Amino acid sequence: MTEVPKKWYVVRAAGGKEKKAREYIENEVKRLHLENYISQVLIPTEKIYQVKNGKKISKERIFYPGYILIEVALTPEIQHLITSIPHVSGFLGAVKGGKPVPVRMSEINRILGKVDEQAEKEEENITPYLVGEAVKVIDGPFNGFNGTVEEIIEDKKKLKVMVKIFGRKTLLELGFVQVEKE
């Protein structure tokens, strides 16, 4: 079969149900053998890092909550199929009953570039600190204390922070994720 020309569109989905809607769309594509018409269904995400109970965890955060990007050769039948999927409320830019407006390729490249940039960056440079900078401890037994950065240990991603505890200055060694800039 010949390749059908496709364009990118934005589909509105129920907030928090983007992954479920994408799953439904992908299942329908497989079930109805529409791989020639719908090639990609994307939810742009980024990885964020948080500290919970003293452990660093990574979570995925959606760049545009409530929206899904889809590369599709849009025919009236496929448009109806997509809008009839659970958790999907329609296409962005579609006038009632009309054909939706495709997203410019420059916008798609910018969005996809942002996602790729995040993937490359990963955990490298979580937060750069400077010696002498004021920081606040946000995790561990000294949570809530303020101090200044005395030394940066890049390879271990740790800081030596001078805090005042009961009127005495004390040097603490903390991870980058255990402090935040004031």
Foldseek 3Di string as FASTA:
>chain_A
DDADAKFKFKWFFAFPCLVVLLVQLVVVCVVVVVCSFWPDKAFQWAWDWAADPNDIDIDIDTPDTRIIMTIGPDDPVVQVVSCPGPRIPHTPQADVVGDRDTDDPVVVCVSVVVSVVRVVCPPQCNDDDDFQFKKAFCDDPRHGWIFTFHDADRVVQWTFTWTQDPNDTDTDIGHVNRIDGD
